[in-house]
Protein backbone atom coordinates (compact mmCIF):
# COMPACT_ATOMS: atom_id res chain seq x y z
CA UNK A 1 0.00 0.00 0.00
CA UNK A 2 1.35 3.38 -0.91
CA UNK A 3 1.95 6.07 1.70
CA UNK A 4 -0.75 8.22 0.15
CA UNK A 5 -3.30 5.37 0.45
CA UNK A 6 -2.58 4.94 4.22
CA UNK A 7 -3.20 8.62 5.08
CA UNK A 8 -7.00 8.61 4.60
CA UNK A 9 -7.31 5.41 6.60
CA UNK A 10 -5.37 6.97 9.50
CA UNK A 11 -7.53 10.09 9.44
CA UNK A 12 -10.70 8.00 9.49
CA UNK A 13 -9.47 6.09 12.53
CA UNK A 14 -8.74 9.31 14.38
CA UNK A 15 -12.18 10.69 13.57
CA UNK A 16 -13.81 7.49 14.77
CA UNK A 17 -11.90 7.59 18.05
CA UNK A 18 -12.74 11.27 18.56
CA UNK A 19 -16.41 10.56 17.84
CA UNK A 20 -16.49 7.72 20.35
CA UNK A 21 -14.83 9.92 22.98
CA UNK A 22 -17.35 12.71 22.32
CA UNK A 23 -20.25 10.27 22.65
CA UNK A 24 -18.80 8.94 25.90
CA UNK A 25 -18.45 12.48 27.26
CA UNK A 26 -22.04 13.34 26.32
CA UNK A 27 -23.33 10.15 27.91
CA UNK A 28 -21.29 10.83 31.04
CA UNK A 29 -22.55 14.38 31.35
CA UNK A 30 -26.11 13.18 30.82
CA UNK A 31 -25.73 10.62 33.59
CA UNK A 32 -24.30 13.27 35.94
CA UNK A 33 -27.18 15.64 35.21
CA UNK A 34 -29.74 12.86 35.73
CA UNK A 35 -28.08 11.87 38.98
CA UNK A 36 -28.14 15.44 40.29
CA UNK A 37 -31.75 15.91 39.20
CA UNK A 38 -32.82 12.69 40.91
CA UNK A 39 -30.92 13.61 44.07
CA UNK A 40 -32.61 17.01 44.20
CA UNK A 41 -35.98 15.42 43.57
CA UNK A 42 -35.36 12.94 46.38
CA UNK A 43 -34.29 15.76 48.69
CA UNK A 44 -37.38 17.72 47.78
CA UNK A 45 -39.56 14.72 48.46
CA UNK A 46 -37.96 14.23 51.87
CA UNK A 47 -39.06 17.74 52.85
CA UNK A 48 -42.67 16.95 52.05
CA UNK A 49 -44.80 16.10 55.12
CA UNK A 50 -45.67 12.42 55.27
CA UNK A 51 -49.29 11.47 55.88
CA UNK A 52 -48.97 8.43 58.13
CA UNK A 53 -52.71 7.78 57.82
CA UNK A 54 -52.63 7.58 54.03
CA UNK A 55 -53.01 3.77 54.07
CA UNK A 56 -54.78 3.48 57.41
CA UNK A 57 -57.74 1.13 57.70
CA UNK A 58 -58.70 2.43 61.16
CA UNK A 59 -62.50 2.73 61.45
CA UNK A 60 -62.35 6.31 62.74
CA UNK A 61 -60.05 7.36 59.92
CA UNK A 62 -62.13 5.59 57.24
CA UNK A 63 -65.32 7.29 58.36
CA UNK A 64 -63.90 10.75 58.97
CA UNK A 65 -62.10 10.80 55.63
CA UNK A 66 -65.59 11.42 54.26
CA UNK A 67 -67.24 13.40 57.06
CA UNK A 68 -64.34 15.63 58.17
CA UNK A 69 -61.47 15.11 55.70
CA UNK A 70 -59.61 18.21 56.86
CA UNK A 71 -59.21 16.82 60.35
CA UNK A 72 -57.89 13.49 59.05
CA UNK A 73 -55.46 15.28 56.74
CA UNK A 74 -54.15 17.45 59.59
CA UNK A 75 -53.78 14.62 62.07
CA UNK A 76 -52.12 12.41 59.48
CA UNK A 77 -49.26 14.90 59.28
CA UNK A 78 -48.89 15.29 63.05
CA UNK A 79 -46.13 14.02 65.32
CA UNK A 80 -48.85 12.41 67.43
CA UNK A 81 -50.05 10.26 64.57
CA UNK A 82 -46.44 9.41 63.74
CA UNK A 83 -46.08 8.25 67.36
CA UNK A 84 -49.07 5.94 66.81
CA UNK A 85 -51.46 7.97 68.95
CA UNK A 86 -54.93 7.10 67.70
CA UNK A 87 -58.21 9.00 67.65
CA UNK A 88 -59.48 6.75 70.43
CA UNK A 89 -56.53 7.54 72.68
CA UNK A 90 -57.69 11.14 72.97
CA UNK A 91 -61.45 10.96 72.38
CA UNK A 92 -62.73 7.65 73.72
CA UNK A 93 -63.90 7.44 77.36
CA UNK A 94 -65.95 5.13 79.52
CA UNK A 95 -69.72 5.27 79.56
CA UNK A 96 -70.93 7.95 81.97
CA UNK A 97 -67.77 10.06 81.73
CA UNK A 98 -68.68 13.75 82.25
CA UNK A 99 -69.81 15.43 79.00
CA UNK A 100 -69.34 12.24 76.97
CA UNK A 101 -71.70 11.30 74.14
CA UNK A 102 -72.48 7.96 72.55
CA UNK A 103 -70.88 7.60 69.15
CA UNK A 104 -70.68 4.57 66.88
CA UNK A 105 -70.98 2.03 69.67
CA UNK A 106 -68.63 3.78 72.10
CA UNK A 107 -68.47 6.98 74.17
CA UNK A 108 -66.34 9.96 73.27
CA UNK A 109 -65.50 13.54 74.17
CA UNK A 110 -65.96 15.85 71.19
CA UNK A 111 -63.18 18.03 72.61
CA UNK A 112 -60.67 16.10 74.74
CA UNK A 113 -60.01 17.70 78.10
CA UNK A 114 -56.69 18.37 79.78
CA UNK A 115 -57.20 15.10 81.66
CA UNK A 116 -56.75 13.29 78.33
CA UNK A 117 -53.58 15.23 77.54
CA UNK A 118 -52.24 14.50 81.02
CA UNK A 119 -52.05 10.79 80.28
CA UNK A 120 -48.93 11.52 78.21
CA UNK A 121 -47.98 15.05 79.27
CA UNK A 122 -48.03 15.00 83.07
CA UNK A 123 -45.28 17.57 83.63
CA UNK A 124 -46.71 20.00 81.08
CA UNK A 125 -50.19 19.87 82.62
CA UNK A 126 -48.83 20.31 86.16
CA UNK A 127 -46.86 23.38 85.04
CA UNK A 128 -49.87 24.76 83.18
CA UNK A 129 -52.09 24.38 86.26
CA UNK A 130 -49.73 26.67 88.20
CA UNK A 131 -49.83 29.33 85.52
CA UNK A 132 -51.72 32.50 84.66
CA UNK A 133 -53.20 30.64 81.71
CA UNK A 134 -55.02 28.21 84.01
CA UNK A 135 -57.76 29.17 86.53
CA UNK A 136 -56.67 32.83 86.85
CA UNK A 137 -57.52 33.34 83.16
CA UNK A 138 -61.03 31.96 83.70
CA UNK A 139 -61.61 33.87 86.93
CA UNK A 140 -60.64 37.09 85.13
CA UNK A 141 -64.09 37.13 83.51
CA UNK A 142 -66.16 34.64 85.52
CA UNK A 143 -65.09 35.63 89.04
CA UNK A 144 -64.23 33.37 91.96
CA UNK A 145 -67.92 32.67 92.49
CA UNK A 146 -67.81 30.31 89.50
CA UNK A 147 -65.39 27.95 91.31
CA UNK A 148 -66.31 25.09 93.63
CA UNK A 149 -64.36 24.60 96.85
CA UNK A 150 -61.79 22.31 95.25
CA UNK A 151 -61.23 24.69 92.35
CA UNK A 152 -61.03 27.67 94.68
CA UNK A 153 -58.26 25.97 96.66
CA UNK A 154 -56.41 25.22 93.42
CA UNK A 155 -56.90 28.79 92.25
CA UNK A 156 -55.57 30.41 95.40
CA UNK A 157 -52.47 28.19 95.19
CA UNK A 158 -51.58 29.78 91.84
CA UNK A 159 -49.39 32.90 92.26
CA UNK A 160 -51.85 35.07 90.29
CA UNK A 161 -54.69 33.90 92.51
CA UNK A 162 -54.13 36.70 95.02
CA UNK A 163 -55.01 39.71 92.90
CA UNK A 164 -58.78 39.99 93.16
CA UNK A 165 -59.29 43.52 94.43
CA UNK A 166 -62.15 45.88 93.61
CA UNK A 167 -60.49 47.11 90.43
CA UNK A 168 -60.40 43.59 88.98
CA UNK A 169 -63.92 42.80 90.18
CA UNK A 170 -65.06 45.76 88.11
CA UNK A 171 -63.57 44.00 85.11
CA UNK A 172 -65.66 40.91 85.90
CA UNK A 173 -68.73 43.17 85.81
CA UNK A 174 -68.13 43.88 82.12
CA UNK A 175 -68.77 40.22 81.38
CA UNK A 176 -72.19 40.49 83.01
CA UNK A 177 -73.05 43.84 81.44
CA UNK A 178 -72.18 42.77 77.90
CA UNK A 179 -74.04 39.47 78.13
CA UNK A 180 -73.52 35.98 76.74
CA UNK A 181 -74.25 36.85 73.10
CA UNK A 182 -71.17 39.11 73.05
CA UNK A 183 -68.83 37.52 75.57
CA UNK A 184 -68.91 34.12 73.88
CA UNK A 185 -66.95 35.73 71.04
CA UNK A 186 -65.08 38.22 73.23
CA UNK A 187 -63.76 37.55 76.76
CA UNK A 188 -64.46 33.84 76.70
CA UNK A 189 -62.67 33.19 73.42
CA UNK A 190 -59.35 33.86 75.15
CA UNK A 191 -59.99 33.41 78.84
CA UNK A 192 -61.52 29.96 78.43
CA UNK A 193 -57.94 28.74 78.04
CA UNK A 194 -58.27 28.23 81.81
CA UNK A 195 -61.91 27.12 82.02
CA UNK A 196 -62.61 24.09 84.22
CA UNK A 197 -64.04 21.04 82.46
CA UNK A 198 -66.83 18.81 83.73
CA UNK A 199 -64.30 16.09 84.62
CA UNK A 200 -62.50 18.45 87.03
CA UNK A 201 -59.50 19.16 84.83
CA UNK A 202 -58.57 22.73 83.95
CA UNK A 203 -57.79 24.42 80.67
CA UNK A 204 -57.90 23.91 76.95
CA UNK A 205 -54.54 22.87 75.53
CA UNK A 206 -55.83 23.22 71.98
CA UNK A 207 -56.19 26.98 72.41
CA UNK A 208 -52.44 27.17 71.83
CA UNK A 209 -51.73 23.77 70.24
CA UNK A 210 -54.17 23.95 67.36
CA UNK A 211 -55.91 20.75 66.36
CA UNK A 212 -55.24 18.43 64.69
CA UNK A 213 -51.70 18.92 63.44
CA UNK A 214 -50.22 20.01 66.79
CA UNK A 215 -47.36 21.66 64.95
CA UNK A 216 -44.20 22.82 66.73
CA UNK A 217 -43.83 25.60 64.17
CA UNK A 218 -47.37 26.83 64.77
CA UNK A 219 -47.12 26.93 68.55
CA UNK A 220 -43.68 28.57 68.50
CA UNK A 221 -44.62 31.40 66.15
CA UNK A 222 -45.72 34.65 67.84
CA UNK A 223 -48.86 34.87 65.69
CA UNK A 224 -50.28 32.11 67.91
CA UNK A 225 -49.99 34.34 70.99
CA UNK A 226 -51.35 37.23 68.92
CA UNK A 227 -54.79 35.57 69.07
CA UNK A 228 -55.21 36.93 72.61
CA UNK A 229 -52.25 39.13 73.51
CA UNK A 230 -53.33 42.08 71.41
CA UNK A 231 -55.30 45.29 71.91
CA UNK A 232 -55.21 48.20 74.35
CA UNK A 233 -55.13 46.20 77.58
CA UNK A 234 -52.43 43.68 76.65
CA UNK A 235 -50.76 44.71 73.36
CA UNK A 236 -47.86 42.30 73.54
CA UNK A 237 -48.17 41.43 69.84
CA UNK A 238 -47.98 45.06 68.75
CA UNK A 239 -45.10 45.73 71.14
CA UNK A 240 -43.20 42.69 69.89
CA UNK A 241 -43.60 43.83 66.28
CA UNK A 242 -41.87 47.15 66.97
CA UNK A 243 -39.16 45.66 69.20
CA UNK A 244 -35.71 44.63 67.94
CA UNK A 245 -36.68 41.01 68.54
CA UNK A 246 -39.84 41.36 66.47
CA UNK A 247 -38.00 43.09 63.65
CA UNK A 248 -35.47 40.23 63.57
CA UNK A 249 -38.35 37.75 63.36
CA UNK A 250 -40.14 39.69 60.61
CA UNK A 251 -37.04 40.00 58.46
CA UNK A 252 -35.32 36.67 59.07
CA UNK A 253 -37.78 34.30 60.71
CA UNK A 254 -38.42 32.32 57.54
CA UNK A 255 -34.99 30.76 57.95
CA UNK A 256 -35.30 29.81 61.63
CA UNK A 257 -35.51 26.19 62.74
CA UNK A 258 -39.14 26.00 63.79
CA UNK A 259 -39.22 22.22 64.09
CA UNK A 260 -36.04 21.84 66.15
CA UNK A 261 -36.23 19.28 68.93
CA UNK A 262 -37.73 20.76 72.15
CA UNK A 263 -35.28 21.35 74.96
CA UNK A 264 -32.30 21.68 72.62
CA UNK A 265 -32.82 25.16 71.15
CA UNK A 266 -29.88 27.49 70.68
CA UNK A 267 -29.18 30.78 68.92
CA UNK A 268 -28.47 28.76 65.79
CA UNK A 269 -32.14 27.78 65.76
CA UNK A 270 -33.50 31.14 66.90
CA UNK A 271 -31.14 34.11 66.42
CA UNK A 272 -33.73 36.27 68.23
CA UNK A 273 -36.54 35.26 70.58
CA UNK A 274 -40.24 34.84 70.00
CA UNK A 275 -42.84 34.78 72.79
CA UNK A 276 -42.23 31.05 73.21
CA UNK A 277 -38.46 31.44 73.44
CA UNK A 278 -38.66 33.79 76.42
CA UNK A 279 -41.64 32.27 78.22
CA UNK A 280 -41.76 28.54 77.41
CA UNK A 281 -38.96 26.99 75.38
CA UNK A 282 -35.92 25.24 76.72
CA UNK A 283 -33.21 27.59 75.52
CA UNK A 284 -29.55 27.56 76.46
CA UNK A 285 -29.30 26.71 80.15
CA UNK A 286 -33.01 27.35 80.84
CA UNK A 287 -35.37 24.38 80.78
CA UNK A 288 -38.75 24.09 79.08
CA UNK A 289 -41.90 25.06 81.01
CA UNK A 290 -45.64 25.42 80.44
CA UNK A 291 -45.95 27.97 83.26
CA UNK A 292 -45.99 31.30 81.46
CA UNK A 293 -45.02 33.16 84.65
CA UNK A 294 -42.10 30.90 85.57
CA UNK A 295 -39.51 33.44 84.38
CA UNK A 296 -41.24 36.71 85.32
CA UNK A 297 -40.33 38.95 88.25
CA UNK A 298 -43.44 41.17 88.49
CA UNK A 299 -47.20 40.74 88.33
CA UNK A 300 -47.38 43.25 85.48
CA UNK A 301 -51.09 42.70 84.78
CA UNK A 302 -52.10 43.81 88.29
CA UNK A 303 -53.29 47.39 88.88
CA UNK A 304 -50.35 47.98 91.25
CA UNK A 305 -47.64 45.47 90.38
CA UNK A 306 -45.94 43.48 93.10
CA UNK A 307 -42.99 41.12 93.01
CA UNK A 308 -43.79 37.48 92.27
CA UNK A 309 -42.98 34.80 94.83
CA UNK A 310 -39.40 33.59 94.29
CA UNK A 311 -38.94 36.35 91.72
CA UNK A 312 -35.17 36.13 92.07
CA UNK A 313 -35.25 32.50 90.86
CA UNK A 314 -37.57 33.50 88.04
CA UNK A 315 -35.12 36.21 87.00
CA UNK A 316 -32.27 33.70 86.87
CA UNK A 317 -34.25 31.52 84.45
CA UNK A 318 -35.24 34.43 82.19
CA UNK A 319 -31.76 35.92 82.26
CA UNK A 320 -30.41 32.52 81.25
CA UNK A 321 -32.30 33.02 78.00
CA UNK A 322 -31.11 36.63 77.65
CA UNK A 323 -27.50 35.61 78.25
CA UNK A 324 -27.43 33.53 75.10
CA UNK A 325 -27.11 36.84 73.22
CA UNK A 326 -26.53 39.66 75.75
CA UNK A 327 -23.74 40.32 78.24
CA UNK A 328 -24.34 40.51 81.98
CA UNK A 329 -23.96 44.31 82.20
CA UNK A 330 -26.60 44.82 79.51
CA UNK A 331 -28.99 42.47 81.30
CA UNK A 332 -28.41 44.06 84.72
CA UNK A 333 -28.96 47.57 83.36
CA UNK A 334 -32.07 46.51 81.48
CA UNK A 335 -33.63 44.89 84.55
CA UNK A 336 -32.92 47.93 86.70
CA UNK A 337 -34.55 50.15 84.09
CA UNK A 338 -37.60 47.89 83.80
CA UNK A 339 -38.00 47.84 87.58
CA UNK A 340 -37.92 51.65 87.65
CA UNK A 341 -40.73 51.90 85.09
CA UNK A 342 -42.90 49.54 87.12
CA UNK A 343 -42.36 51.60 90.27
CA UNK A 344 -43.27 54.80 88.42
CA UNK A 345 -46.47 53.38 86.94
CA UNK A 346 -47.37 51.96 90.35
CA UNK A 347 -47.03 55.45 91.82
CA UNK A 348 -49.34 56.95 89.19
CA UNK A 349 -51.97 54.24 89.75
CA UNK A 350 -51.82 54.67 93.54
CA UNK A 351 -52.28 58.40 93.02
CA UNK A 352 -55.38 57.73 90.89
CA UNK A 353 -56.83 55.83 93.87
CA UNK A 354 -56.16 58.88 96.06
CA UNK A 355 -57.73 61.22 93.50
CA UNK A 356 -61.01 59.29 93.38
CA UNK A 357 -61.09 58.50 97.12
CA UNK A 358 -63.14 61.63 98.12
CA UNK A 359 -65.98 60.48 95.87
CA UNK A 360 -65.95 57.02 97.40
CA UNK A 361 -65.76 58.39 100.94
CA UNK A 362 -68.72 60.71 100.34
CA UNK A 363 -70.85 58.14 98.44
CA UNK A 364 -70.74 60.22 95.27
CA UNK A 365 -70.23 57.21 92.99
CA UNK A 366 -72.99 54.76 92.07
CA UNK A 367 -72.71 51.15 93.16
CA UNK A 368 -73.07 49.95 89.57
CA UNK A 369 -69.73 49.77 87.72
CA UNK A 370 -69.37 51.23 84.25
CA UNK A 371 -72.54 53.32 84.34
CA UNK A 372 -70.93 56.77 84.14
CA UNK A 373 -67.90 58.18 82.29
CA UNK A 374 -65.66 58.48 85.35
CA UNK A 375 -65.77 54.69 85.80
CA UNK A 376 -64.20 54.19 82.38
CA UNK A 377 -61.51 56.84 82.88
CA UNK A 378 -60.49 55.42 86.26
CA UNK A 379 -60.45 51.87 84.84
CA UNK A 380 -58.58 52.71 81.63
CA UNK A 381 -55.81 54.48 83.53
CA UNK A 382 -54.54 51.23 85.01
CA UNK A 383 -56.12 48.50 82.89
CA UNK A 384 -55.15 49.89 79.51
CA UNK A 385 -52.41 52.48 79.82
CA UNK A 386 -50.71 51.43 83.06
CA UNK A 387 -50.31 47.86 81.93
CA UNK A 388 -49.26 48.90 78.42
CA UNK A 389 -46.49 51.15 79.76
CA UNK A 390 -45.16 48.26 81.85
CA UNK A 391 -45.40 45.72 79.05
CA UNK A 392 -43.83 48.15 76.59
CA UNK A 393 -40.79 48.79 78.74
CA UNK A 394 -40.03 45.12 79.44
CA UNK A 395 -40.60 44.10 75.81
CA UNK A 396 -38.69 47.05 74.28
CA UNK A 397 -41.59 48.80 72.58
CA UNK A 398 -40.88 52.55 72.97
CA UNK A 399 -44.06 53.80 71.28
CA UNK A 400 -46.22 51.68 73.57
CA UNK A 401 -44.29 52.69 76.67
CA UNK A 402 -44.71 56.35 75.74
CA UNK A 403 -47.71 57.30 73.60
CA UNK A 404 -49.91 54.28 74.33
CA UNK A 405 -48.75 54.14 77.95
CA UNK A 406 -47.28 56.96 80.05
CA UNK A 407 -48.83 59.75 77.96
CA UNK A 408 -52.29 58.20 78.20
CA UNK A 409 -51.90 57.75 81.97
CA UNK A 410 -51.19 61.47 82.37
CA UNK A 411 -54.09 62.31 80.07
CA UNK A 412 -56.52 60.15 82.07
CA UNK A 413 -55.12 61.64 85.30
CA UNK A 414 -56.01 65.16 84.19
CA UNK A 415 -59.48 64.06 83.10
CA UNK A 416 -60.02 62.15 86.32
CA UNK A 417 -59.14 65.19 88.45
CA UNK A 418 -61.61 67.34 86.50
CA UNK A 419 -64.40 64.75 86.82
CA UNK A 420 -63.79 64.33 90.55
CA UNK A 421 -63.86 68.08 91.17
CA UNK A 422 -67.07 68.48 89.17
CA UNK A 423 -68.79 65.93 91.40
CA UNK A 424 -67.34 67.41 94.60
CA UNK A 425 -68.46 70.92 93.68
CA UNK A 426 -71.94 69.68 92.73
CA UNK A 427 -72.13 68.19 96.22
CA UNK A 428 -70.95 71.47 97.83
CA UNK A 429 -67.55 70.03 98.80
CA UNK A 430 -64.07 71.45 98.38
CA UNK A 431 -62.28 70.43 95.19
CA UNK A 432 -58.98 68.58 95.34
CA UNK A 433 -55.66 69.90 94.06
CA UNK A 434 -53.14 67.06 93.53
CA UNK A 435 -50.76 69.44 91.78
CA UNK A 436 -48.98 68.83 88.49
CA UNK A 437 -48.06 65.30 87.46
CA UNK A 438 -44.71 64.23 88.79
CA UNK A 439 -42.25 61.38 88.66
CA UNK A 440 -40.38 59.51 91.34
CA UNK A 441 -37.07 61.05 90.28
CA UNK A 442 -38.35 64.54 91.16
CA UNK A 443 -39.64 63.60 94.61
């Protein structure tokens, strides 16, 4: 074969080899892309909530898939269902159980009581029963008269059980004045979190832990607390929104670890606190609790705030949460400043009692609460603005401490003095002159 004849053959061989290499490269790249795509798809599928009831043949599930499919869907995605808790475990009771109804050959509670929850959550229920969310919440609208002897003893054992003075009894009167048609959707919607059940247990866990998914993310997010802690008398939601903590949540909360294991939370999970972080969650060195007052040093909701029993221990637990982000000097200074605000608001509220005292001493007020304008002014001074100023200072909401708090107190003070003097002069008595508003620093 001549040299010229061999050249085309050599070129053809090279082209064939190059073609095979190119095909191999293309196939390899295709396999890599497919592998990555499948891995991403698998990762995406792993993030999808699993419905553990999808293939269930349980009689309750089969029936309620048709009658209440939303409930079955929610419970199927819950940690309780994953732990093999069944519908019967929470709803089924013995015949004759208080408030039970016959249902499909058995007896159930339409809404399980705290006694049902206690079967698995003993510590949580015990902590809850010692909290402001338990009987004190119910008594806030229903009054102590609604409690039997056993419940009354339980109520008075709760730290908040000692603050039933005339000011708070006036608040109970609003429940009577407004009537059941209104209060069912008003006071009771929130305060029934501590309502006694017919079986003697107290509270409604599902007010915070919404049925039937019982989601950690849901109960940890501040919008859950917003259902009740909102408005002029307890604007914690609004205060939180304007605080540095609330701003951090609003701008970065989508990336926080809402489903992190309870009792193990750190700043990596929550770079800033929510309501649950400060008041409930195990965080840093502070353990989990269901007693919302366990870390608080003052009874801020009271007309004149007093220290809580063992408030020093409470402060240690709360400051354990603070110390995950703040240094000890910052915390010490903040607590001293918060204490000073409470003392100042206390002084203004005590003065309001002194301002109205001549009317009470001379029987110039009616026995019926909330039947004349002065009743509302006197009540709002402490119940709305006094409490808001205290909440605002401890939760770092400057607008609520000032314009929705201290300013409104001084405004109501001036109006109260004028109303008192009008009544005194109408009765032929000397008017009072408390002088200009002052602060503790100037005394």
